[in-house]
Amino acid sequence: MSEDGFLDYLLQDRMFSIQIPHYHGQHRGEDAVSDSEPQHILARYMETADSLRFEADVEGSTWNSRGWTLQERHLARRIVHFSRTQIFWECRRGIESECGQRIIRLPFSITPAYGPEDSPDEESSENTSSQCASDKTSRSDEIGSSSSDSAYVDEDELIATRTRLYLWWFQVLGDYSRRNLTYASDKLPAISGLARELNTNHLEITQSEDQYLAGLWLGALADCLLWTPEDSSAMTDPGISRAPSWSWARYDGPTMPTRAGSPNLDPESDKIEYISHEVGLDSSNAYGSITHARLSIRAGLHEVLIVQPSIQQRDEVNRYDIYLRSDRSKIAVATLDRAEAYETNDTSGLFAMQVKVQLPQDDGPARDLYYSGLVLQLVGGEEQVLERVGVFILDEDHLNVFASAEKRIVTLV
């Protein structure tokens, strides 16, 4: 018999029964008489490698593809996952598998970290799952570390902390946009608990709440406006009016929530000025469904033409060139929110509006992440009322093309 393979063949992924002695009375001794019916327990052989099944059994599960379960998972302090192969424990400090191996990857959460101080019973347990990966710093700790213990908070530290808050939100949206909902009207309600959680943390850090605008945050408005479809051809219309054109909640489909992976809260990087907004709520939930939304901002605009190049690369099917209507010079490349919904022969009433400063291209992240403006279209010929139809990135030779653009107040719907 070989030293390897035999036991693995018999036991791997198999359930088996182990007989245990059972005695009358409370103590096992010479006078104790064995029960006539022996007791059994069920056991299962597991390899340490089984802990790697978390990605497939939990992350890749149908449960984890549903829209509502995202905030359920983020807001729960502790979760026990009963998967196809084993049980997993998840808390604010990490994840541990049934076979006993700790998974160091921490949940990305801004909610207060669960720790021993919350439960005296668990503090005394050296093996409690709530302490897994306790030597690592959770996202909660990182974000909460700048909360105001004193009246004075360094401005740079405050901006860095708020940036982490919005970064968390963008990462949540990136996940949420890939999930499915049974009812299209649940798009905003199904993530409203996480929006409320962010605002609670914002209040603790800055002593004031942020304003939530149909899925966007006023405190990072310019960055929030530059959400981008990962694939315009995959974006679908839900068939109901649940969000304005400038919100990621308008369509269904995977999106990239921000232009460069992380928000830039430096006011000098913004090219728009917030004026006012109007949001009609559909219920008492300030973060839930809405009836309508309008956003007024001041910005420089250019009237433009959009032309789809005759020859495109395989990965640029939904790319369009943007030309100034005044002199027909090409200034940018656009990605439309829904390519099939745009008629190339309807080129009237199109405008380009720069939202963020675009820096010269260097050796940084891919150029696709640095969208700096919106493509807008007049709504029903109504002057100064526009809707979003896409995003654009300026050509390197035209980074300052909006310096001469006259700034005016427009309303986005």
Protein backbone atom coordinates (compact mmCIF):
# COMPACT_ATOMS: atom_id res chain seq x y z
CA MET A 1 0.00 0.00 0.00
CA SER A 2 1.40 3.37 -0.93
CA GLU A 3 1.89 5.99 1.72
CA ASP A 4 -0.07 8.57 -0.19
CA GLY A 5 -3.35 8.42 -1.99
CA PHE A 6 -5.05 5.57 -0.09
CA LEU A 7 -6.55 7.59 2.77
CA ASP A 8 -7.18 10.56 0.50
CA TYR A 9 -9.07 8.28 -1.87
CA LEU A 10 -11.22 6.95 0.96
CA LEU A 11 -11.79 10.17 2.86
CA GLN A 12 -11.47 13.15 0.58
CA ASP A 13 -14.81 15.01 0.38
CA ARG A 14 -16.56 12.07 2.05
CA MET A 15 -18.90 11.94 5.02
CA PHE A 16 -18.45 9.04 7.39
CA SER A 17 -19.85 7.88 10.72
CA ILE A 18 -17.77 7.50 13.87
CA GLN A 19 -19.14 5.34 16.69
CA ILE A 20 -18.64 6.74 20.18
CA PRO A 21 -19.21 4.93 23.49
CA HIS A 22 -22.25 5.91 25.47
CA TYR A 23 -22.72 5.15 29.18
CA HIS A 24 -25.51 5.36 31.71
CA GLY A 25 -24.91 7.90 34.43
CA GLN A 26 -22.89 11.08 34.46
CA HIS A 27 -19.43 9.56 34.83
CA ARG A 28 -17.49 6.98 32.95
CA GLY A 29 -16.23 4.29 35.35
CA GLU A 30 -15.87 0.60 35.97
CA ASP A 31 -19.48 0.27 37.16
CA ALA A 32 -20.91 2.11 34.17
CA VAL A 33 -22.82 -0.02 31.71
CA SER A 34 -22.64 0.68 27.99
CA ASP A 35 -25.86 1.59 26.27
CA SER A 36 -27.24 -1.11 24.07
CA GLU A 37 -27.52 1.38 21.22
CA PRO A 38 -24.17 3.03 20.45
CA GLN A 39 -24.15 6.68 19.48
CA HIS A 40 -22.63 8.04 16.26
CA ILE A 41 -21.41 11.35 15.02
CA LEU A 42 -20.97 12.36 11.43
CA ALA A 43 -17.53 13.61 10.40
CA ARG A 44 -16.08 14.80 7.15
CA TYR A 45 -12.51 14.77 5.93
CA MET A 46 -11.42 18.19 4.67
CA GLU A 47 -8.23 19.42 3.13
CA THR A 48 -6.77 22.78 4.06
CA ALA A 49 -7.08 23.74 0.41
CA ASP A 50 -10.86 23.62 0.81
CA SER A 51 -10.69 27.09 2.30
CA LEU A 52 -9.90 28.36 -1.17
CA ARG A 53 -13.43 27.45 -2.18
CA PHE A 54 -14.70 30.67 -0.61
CA GLU A 55 -14.34 32.46 -3.94
CA ALA A 56 -16.41 29.88 -5.78
CA ASP A 57 -18.88 28.92 -3.06
CA VAL A 58 -19.64 32.39 -1.65
CA GLU A 59 -18.28 35.11 -3.92
CA GLY A 60 -19.43 33.24 -7.03
CA SER A 61 -22.78 32.14 -5.62
CA THR A 62 -26.19 33.14 -6.93
CA TRP A 63 -26.87 34.72 -3.53
CA ASN A 64 -23.91 37.06 -4.02
CA SER A 65 -25.17 38.13 -7.46
CA ARG A 66 -28.41 39.63 -6.16
CA GLY A 67 -28.72 43.36 -5.63
CA TRP A 68 -30.24 43.36 -2.15
CA THR A 69 -27.64 41.03 -0.67
CA LEU A 70 -24.81 43.54 -1.14
CA GLN A 71 -25.93 45.84 1.65
CA GLU A 72 -27.06 42.87 3.73
CA ARG A 73 -23.50 41.59 3.63
CA HIS A 74 -21.84 44.95 4.26
CA LEU A 75 -24.10 45.96 7.14
CA ALA A 76 -24.14 42.62 8.96
CA ARG A 77 -21.63 42.43 11.82
CA ARG A 78 -21.25 38.67 11.48
CA ILE A 79 -22.24 36.24 8.75
CA VAL A 80 -22.25 32.45 8.65
CA HIS A 81 -22.17 31.20 5.05
CA PHE A 82 -23.57 27.68 4.55
CA SER A 83 -22.02 26.88 1.19
CA ARG A 84 -22.11 23.79 -0.97
CA THR A 85 -18.88 22.40 0.46
CA GLN A 86 -18.46 23.88 3.93
CA ILE A 87 -19.30 26.66 6.37
CA PHE A 88 -17.53 30.03 6.37
CA TRP A 89 -17.51 32.68 9.08
CA GLU A 90 -17.23 36.32 8.07
CA CYS A 91 -16.98 39.36 10.32
CA ARG A 92 -15.49 42.85 10.27
CA ARG A 93 -12.03 41.46 11.03
CA GLY A 94 -11.82 38.81 8.33
CA ILE A 95 -13.03 35.41 7.16
CA GLU A 96 -12.42 31.92 8.45
CA SER A 97 -13.29 28.57 6.90
CA GLU A 98 -14.77 25.50 8.54
CA CYS A 99 -11.52 23.63 8.11
CA GLY A 100 -9.84 26.16 10.38
CA GLN A 101 -7.76 28.16 7.94
CA ARG A 102 -8.05 31.91 8.24
CA ILE A 103 -8.50 33.91 5.09
CA ILE A 104 -6.61 37.16 5.55
CA ARG A 105 -8.53 39.09 2.88
CA LEU A 106 -10.64 41.55 4.83
CA PRO A 107 -14.15 42.69 3.92
CA PHE A 108 -14.05 46.27 2.66
CA SER A 109 -16.36 48.09 5.06
CA ILE A 110 -16.71 51.53 6.59
CA THR A 111 -18.99 50.38 9.38
CA PRO A 112 -17.55 50.14 12.92
CA ALA A 113 -15.26 47.14 13.25
CA TYR A 114 -16.52 44.26 15.34
CA GLY A 115 -13.99 43.33 17.99
CA PRO A 116 -13.60 41.65 21.39
CA GLU A 117 -14.76 44.77 23.20
CA ASP A 118 -18.25 44.18 21.84
CA SER A 119 -18.61 40.81 23.53
CA PRO A 120 -16.92 39.81 26.83
CA ASP A 121 -17.66 36.18 26.07
CA GLU A 122 -15.67 36.29 22.90
CA GLU A 123 -12.80 38.26 24.42
CA SER A 124 -11.71 35.25 26.44
CA SER A 125 -11.69 32.90 23.47
CA GLU A 126 -8.30 32.69 21.80
CA ASN A 127 -9.71 30.92 18.78
CA THR A 128 -12.79 33.02 18.19
CA SER A 129 -13.40 33.78 14.58
CA SER A 130 -14.14 37.43 15.34
CA GLN A 131 -10.44 37.94 16.01
CA CYS A 132 -9.23 36.46 12.74
CA ALA A 133 -6.65 38.64 11.06
CA SER A 134 -6.77 40.94 14.09
CA ASP A 135 -3.19 42.00 13.51
CA LYS A 136 -4.29 43.63 10.27
CA THR A 137 -5.88 47.06 10.07
CA SER A 138 -9.42 46.95 8.72
CA ARG A 139 -10.86 49.52 6.37
CA SER A 140 -13.17 50.54 9.16
CA ASP A 141 -10.20 51.38 11.37
CA GLU A 142 -8.49 53.31 8.59
CA ILE A 143 -11.55 55.45 7.88
CA GLY A 144 -12.52 55.87 11.50
CA SER A 145 -9.03 56.88 12.58
CA SER A 146 -9.59 60.44 11.44
CA SER A 147 -12.92 60.95 13.20
CA SER A 148 -12.98 64.07 15.27
CA ASP A 149 -11.79 63.41 18.82
CA SER A 150 -10.96 67.07 19.17
CA ALA A 151 -12.29 70.30 17.79
CA TYR A 152 -9.42 70.58 15.37
CA VAL A 153 -8.81 68.23 12.48
CA ASP A 154 -6.01 68.83 10.00
CA GLU A 155 -7.52 69.82 6.65
CA ASP A 156 -5.32 67.46 4.64
CA GLU A 157 -6.18 64.60 6.95
CA LEU A 158 -9.88 65.44 6.65
CA ILE A 159 -9.73 65.42 2.85
CA ALA A 160 -7.84 62.11 2.90
CA THR A 161 -10.46 60.57 5.16
CA ARG A 162 -13.37 61.84 3.05
CA THR A 163 -11.58 60.51 -0.03
CA ARG A 164 -11.51 57.05 1.53
CA LEU A 165 -15.24 57.31 2.22
CA TYR A 166 -16.06 58.10 -1.40
CA LEU A 167 -13.58 55.52 -2.65
CA TRP A 168 -15.46 52.93 -0.61
CA TRP A 169 -18.71 54.12 -2.21
CA PHE A 170 -17.27 53.85 -5.72
CA GLN A 171 -16.07 50.31 -5.06
CA VAL A 172 -19.50 49.41 -3.73
CA LEU A 173 -21.12 50.80 -6.89
CA GLY A 174 -18.74 48.87 -9.11
CA ASP A 175 -19.93 45.66 -7.43
CA TYR A 176 -23.58 46.70 -7.26
CA SER A 177 -23.80 47.55 -10.96
CA ARG A 178 -23.07 43.90 -11.80
CA ARG A 179 -25.87 42.54 -9.63
CA ASN A 180 -29.41 41.62 -10.58
CA LEU A 181 -32.72 42.92 -9.29
CA THR A 182 -36.13 41.30 -9.70
CA TYR A 183 -37.81 44.70 -9.71
CA ALA A 184 -36.17 47.53 -11.62
CA SER A 185 -37.65 50.08 -9.22
CA ASP A 186 -35.41 48.72 -6.43
CA LYS A 187 -32.24 50.19 -7.96
CA LEU A 188 -31.88 52.98 -5.39
CA PRO A 189 -33.69 51.38 -2.41
CA ALA A 190 -31.52 48.24 -2.56
CA ILE A 191 -28.41 50.27 -1.80
CA SER A 192 -30.02 52.94 0.40
CA GLY A 193 -28.75 51.34 3.61
CA LEU A 194 -25.16 51.74 2.46
CA ALA A 195 -25.79 55.33 1.41
CA ARG A 196 -27.14 56.05 4.88
CA GLU A 197 -24.10 54.33 6.40
CA LEU A 198 -21.71 56.55 4.43
CA ASN A 199 -23.54 59.67 5.51
CA THR A 200 -23.44 58.56 9.15
CA ASN A 201 -19.67 58.21 8.90
CA HIS A 202 -19.43 61.54 7.07
CA LEU A 203 -21.32 63.20 9.92
CA GLU A 204 -18.98 61.71 12.53
CA ILE A 205 -15.91 62.86 10.61
CA THR A 206 -16.95 66.34 9.44
CA GLN A 207 -19.77 67.19 11.88
CA SER A 208 -22.10 67.62 8.90
CA GLU A 209 -23.99 65.33 6.55
CA ASP A 210 -23.39 65.15 2.82
CA GLN A 211 -26.23 65.64 0.33
CA TYR A 212 -27.36 62.53 -1.57
CA LEU A 213 -28.57 63.23 -5.10
CA ALA A 214 -30.13 60.20 -6.82
CA GLY A 215 -27.11 58.01 -6.15
CA LEU A 216 -24.46 60.76 -6.27
CA TRP A 217 -22.82 62.73 -3.46
CA LEU A 218 -22.65 66.50 -3.51
CA GLY A 219 -19.34 66.40 -1.65
CA ALA A 220 -17.73 64.62 -4.60
CA LEU A 221 -20.12 65.76 -7.32
CA ALA A 222 -17.65 66.22 -10.17
CA ASP A 223 -16.15 62.75 -9.71
CA CYS A 224 -19.57 61.16 -9.24
CA LEU A 225 -20.84 62.61 -12.52
CA LEU A 226 -18.09 60.86 -14.48
CA TRP A 227 -19.34 57.28 -14.06
CA THR A 228 -18.64 55.29 -17.22
CA PRO A 229 -20.20 52.19 -18.81
CA GLU A 230 -17.74 49.33 -19.03
CA ASP A 231 -19.42 48.31 -22.27
CA SER A 232 -22.02 50.59 -23.85
CA SER A 233 -23.53 47.69 -25.77
CA ALA A 234 -24.27 45.92 -22.46
CA MET A 235 -26.19 48.85 -20.96
CA THR A 236 -29.96 48.35 -21.01
CA ASP A 237 -32.94 50.58 -20.34
CA PRO A 238 -34.98 49.30 -17.37
CA GLY A 239 -38.18 50.53 -18.99
CA ILE A 240 -39.09 52.83 -16.09
CA SER A 241 -38.08 56.34 -15.09
CA ARG A 242 -36.17 55.75 -11.84
CA ALA A 243 -33.22 58.15 -12.08
CA PRO A 244 -32.00 61.14 -14.12
CA SER A 245 -29.67 60.73 -17.08
CA TRP A 246 -26.69 61.92 -15.01
CA SER A 247 -27.04 59.13 -12.43
CA TRP A 248 -25.51 55.66 -12.71
CA ALA A 249 -28.93 54.34 -11.60
CA ARG A 250 -30.49 55.38 -14.90
CA TYR A 251 -29.46 52.19 -16.72
CA ASP A 252 -28.68 48.56 -15.95
CA GLY A 253 -25.21 47.25 -16.68
CA PRO A 254 -21.64 47.22 -15.32
CA THR A 255 -20.20 50.69 -14.76
CA MET A 256 -16.96 52.24 -13.57
CA PRO A 257 -18.12 54.73 -10.92
CA THR A 258 -15.26 57.22 -11.23
CA ARG A 259 -12.82 58.41 -13.83
CA ALA A 260 -9.52 57.47 -12.21
CA GLY A 261 -10.16 54.87 -9.53
CA SER A 262 -10.05 57.37 -6.66
CA PRO A 263 -11.84 60.72 -6.25
CA ASN A 264 -9.88 63.95 -6.28
CA LEU A 265 -11.49 66.30 -3.75
CA ASP A 266 -9.15 69.19 -4.49
CA PRO A 267 -11.50 72.04 -5.53
CA GLU A 268 -8.90 73.18 -8.07
CA SER A 269 -9.49 69.95 -10.02
CA ASP A 270 -13.18 70.72 -10.61
CA LYS A 271 -14.32 72.59 -13.71
CA ILE A 272 -17.98 72.90 -12.67
CA GLU A 273 -19.74 74.95 -9.99
CA TYR A 274 -22.75 73.57 -8.16
CA ILE A 275 -25.77 75.91 -8.16
CA SER A 276 -28.79 73.97 -6.93
CA HIS A 277 -30.72 70.73 -7.17
CA GLU A 278 -34.24 69.39 -6.90
CA VAL A 279 -34.97 65.77 -5.99
CA GLY A 280 -38.48 64.43 -5.47
CA LEU A 281 -38.61 61.49 -3.07
CA ASP A 282 -41.04 58.63 -3.63
CA SER A 283 -41.15 57.69 0.09
CA SER A 284 -39.87 58.75 3.49
CA ASN A 285 -36.53 57.10 2.69
CA ALA A 286 -34.17 59.96 1.83
CA TYR A 287 -31.90 57.49 0.04
CA GLY A 288 -34.60 55.51 -1.76
CA SER A 289 -36.73 55.82 -4.89
CA ILE A 290 -37.28 59.20 -6.48
CA THR A 291 -39.92 60.70 -8.75
CA HIS A 292 -37.67 63.24 -10.49
CA ALA A 293 -34.31 64.99 -10.16
CA ARG A 294 -32.77 68.13 -11.63
CA LEU A 295 -29.24 69.47 -11.14
CA SER A 296 -28.19 73.03 -11.96
CA ILE A 297 -24.50 73.82 -12.43
CA ARG A 298 -22.33 76.50 -13.98
CA ALA A 299 -19.76 75.33 -16.51
CA GLY A 300 -18.17 76.05 -19.85
CA LEU A 301 -19.76 74.30 -22.82
CA HIS A 302 -18.91 73.85 -26.48
CA GLU A 303 -21.44 72.88 -29.12
CA VAL A 304 -20.08 69.81 -30.83
CA LEU A 305 -20.61 67.15 -33.46
CA ILE A 306 -20.21 63.42 -32.82
CA VAL A 307 -18.89 61.19 -35.57
CA GLN A 308 -18.25 57.47 -35.40
CA PRO A 309 -14.94 56.65 -37.12
CA SER A 310 -15.27 54.46 -40.16
CA ILE A 311 -12.44 52.16 -39.01
CA GLN A 312 -12.27 51.16 -35.37
CA GLN A 313 -10.25 48.81 -33.28
CA ARG A 314 -12.02 45.77 -31.86
CA ASP A 315 -12.09 47.28 -28.35
CA GLU A 316 -13.29 50.69 -29.56
CA VAL A 317 -16.65 49.78 -31.07
CA ASN A 318 -18.52 52.33 -28.98
CA ARG A 319 -16.03 55.18 -29.43
CA TYR A 320 -16.98 58.40 -31.18
CA ASP A 321 -14.90 61.40 -32.23
CA ILE A 322 -15.98 64.82 -30.98
CA TYR A 323 -15.57 67.87 -33.23
CA LEU A 324 -16.20 71.52 -32.44
CA ARG A 325 -19.18 72.64 -34.48
CA SER A 326 -17.59 76.05 -34.95
CA ASP A 327 -14.42 75.03 -36.83
CA ARG A 328 -14.80 71.23 -37.24
CA SER A 329 -11.61 70.53 -35.26
CA LYS A 330 -11.43 67.22 -33.42
CA ILE A 331 -10.99 67.78 -29.68
CA ALA A 332 -11.94 64.57 -27.88
CA VAL A 333 -13.05 60.95 -27.97
CA ALA A 334 -16.39 59.97 -26.45
CA THR A 335 -17.94 56.83 -25.02
CA LEU A 336 -21.73 56.92 -25.13
CA ASP A 337 -23.90 55.54 -22.36
CA ARG A 338 -25.98 53.49 -24.80
CA ALA A 339 -24.51 53.38 -28.28
CA GLU A 340 -27.50 51.74 -29.92
CA ALA A 341 -29.81 54.48 -28.63
CA TYR A 342 -27.92 57.24 -30.45
CA GLU A 343 -28.80 58.05 -34.02
CA THR A 344 -25.70 59.28 -35.87
CA ASN A 345 -27.84 61.43 -38.16
CA ASP A 346 -29.21 63.39 -35.19
CA THR A 347 -26.31 65.70 -34.44
CA SER A 348 -28.23 68.79 -33.36
CA GLY A 349 -28.17 70.19 -29.87
CA LEU A 350 -25.06 68.31 -28.71
CA PHE A 351 -22.67 69.87 -26.21
CA ALA A 352 -19.42 68.94 -24.47
CA MET A 353 -18.94 70.08 -20.88
CA GLN A 354 -15.64 69.67 -19.04
CA VAL A 355 -16.14 68.44 -15.45
CA LYS A 356 -12.60 67.75 -14.15
CA VAL A 357 -9.14 69.04 -15.04
CA GLN A 358 -7.41 66.59 -17.37
CA LEU A 359 -3.67 66.28 -16.90
CA PRO A 360 -1.28 65.38 -19.71
CA GLN A 361 -0.95 61.67 -20.31
CA ASP A 362 2.05 60.08 -18.56
CA ASP A 363 3.01 56.63 -17.42
CA GLY A 364 0.04 56.42 -15.09
CA PRO A 365 -3.15 54.36 -15.40
CA ALA A 366 -4.75 53.64 -18.74
CA ARG A 367 -6.11 56.61 -20.58
CA ASP A 368 -9.63 55.15 -20.54
CA LEU A 369 -9.90 55.91 -16.83
CA TYR A 370 -9.30 59.63 -17.23
CA TYR A 371 -12.60 60.81 -18.65
CA SER A 372 -12.88 64.50 -17.89
CA GLY A 373 -16.25 65.64 -19.24
CA LEU A 374 -19.83 64.89 -20.24
CA VAL A 375 -21.52 64.75 -23.62
CA LEU A 376 -24.93 66.42 -23.32
CA GLN A 377 -27.97 66.90 -25.54
CA LEU A 378 -30.76 69.46 -25.41
CA VAL A 379 -34.06 68.07 -24.13
CA GLY A 380 -36.95 68.70 -26.47
CA GLY A 381 -35.43 71.95 -27.67
CA GLU A 382 -35.74 73.43 -24.17
CA GLU A 383 -32.97 75.99 -23.80
CA GLN A 384 -30.37 75.34 -21.08
CA VAL A 385 -31.96 71.96 -20.12
CA LEU A 386 -29.82 69.01 -21.12
CA GLU A 387 -29.48 65.29 -20.51
CA ARG A 388 -26.35 63.20 -20.40
CA VAL A 389 -25.58 60.88 -23.32
CA GLY A 390 -21.93 59.99 -22.63
CA VAL A 391 -18.47 60.92 -21.37
CA PHE A 392 -15.36 62.11 -23.16
CA ILE A 393 -11.60 62.38 -22.83
CA LEU A 394 -9.79 65.32 -24.40
CA ASP A 395 -7.09 64.89 -27.01
CA GLU A 396 -3.62 65.75 -25.75
CA ASP A 397 -3.45 68.78 -28.07
CA HIS A 398 -6.72 70.22 -26.75
CA LEU A 399 -6.46 70.00 -22.97
CA ASN A 400 -7.13 73.74 -22.67
CA VAL A 401 -9.91 73.98 -25.24
CA PHE A 402 -12.48 74.90 -22.58
CA ALA A 403 -10.43 77.82 -21.25
CA SER A 404 -12.16 80.09 -23.75
CA ALA A 405 -15.63 78.58 -23.33
CA GLU A 406 -18.25 80.93 -21.91
CA LYS A 407 -19.56 79.66 -18.59
CA ARG A 408 -23.31 79.48 -18.14
CA ILE A 409 -25.85 77.88 -15.86
CA VAL A 410 -27.46 74.74 -17.25
CA THR A 411 -29.90 72.24 -15.80
CA LEU A 412 -29.29 68.51 -16.15
CA VAL A 413 -32.23 66.12 -16.07
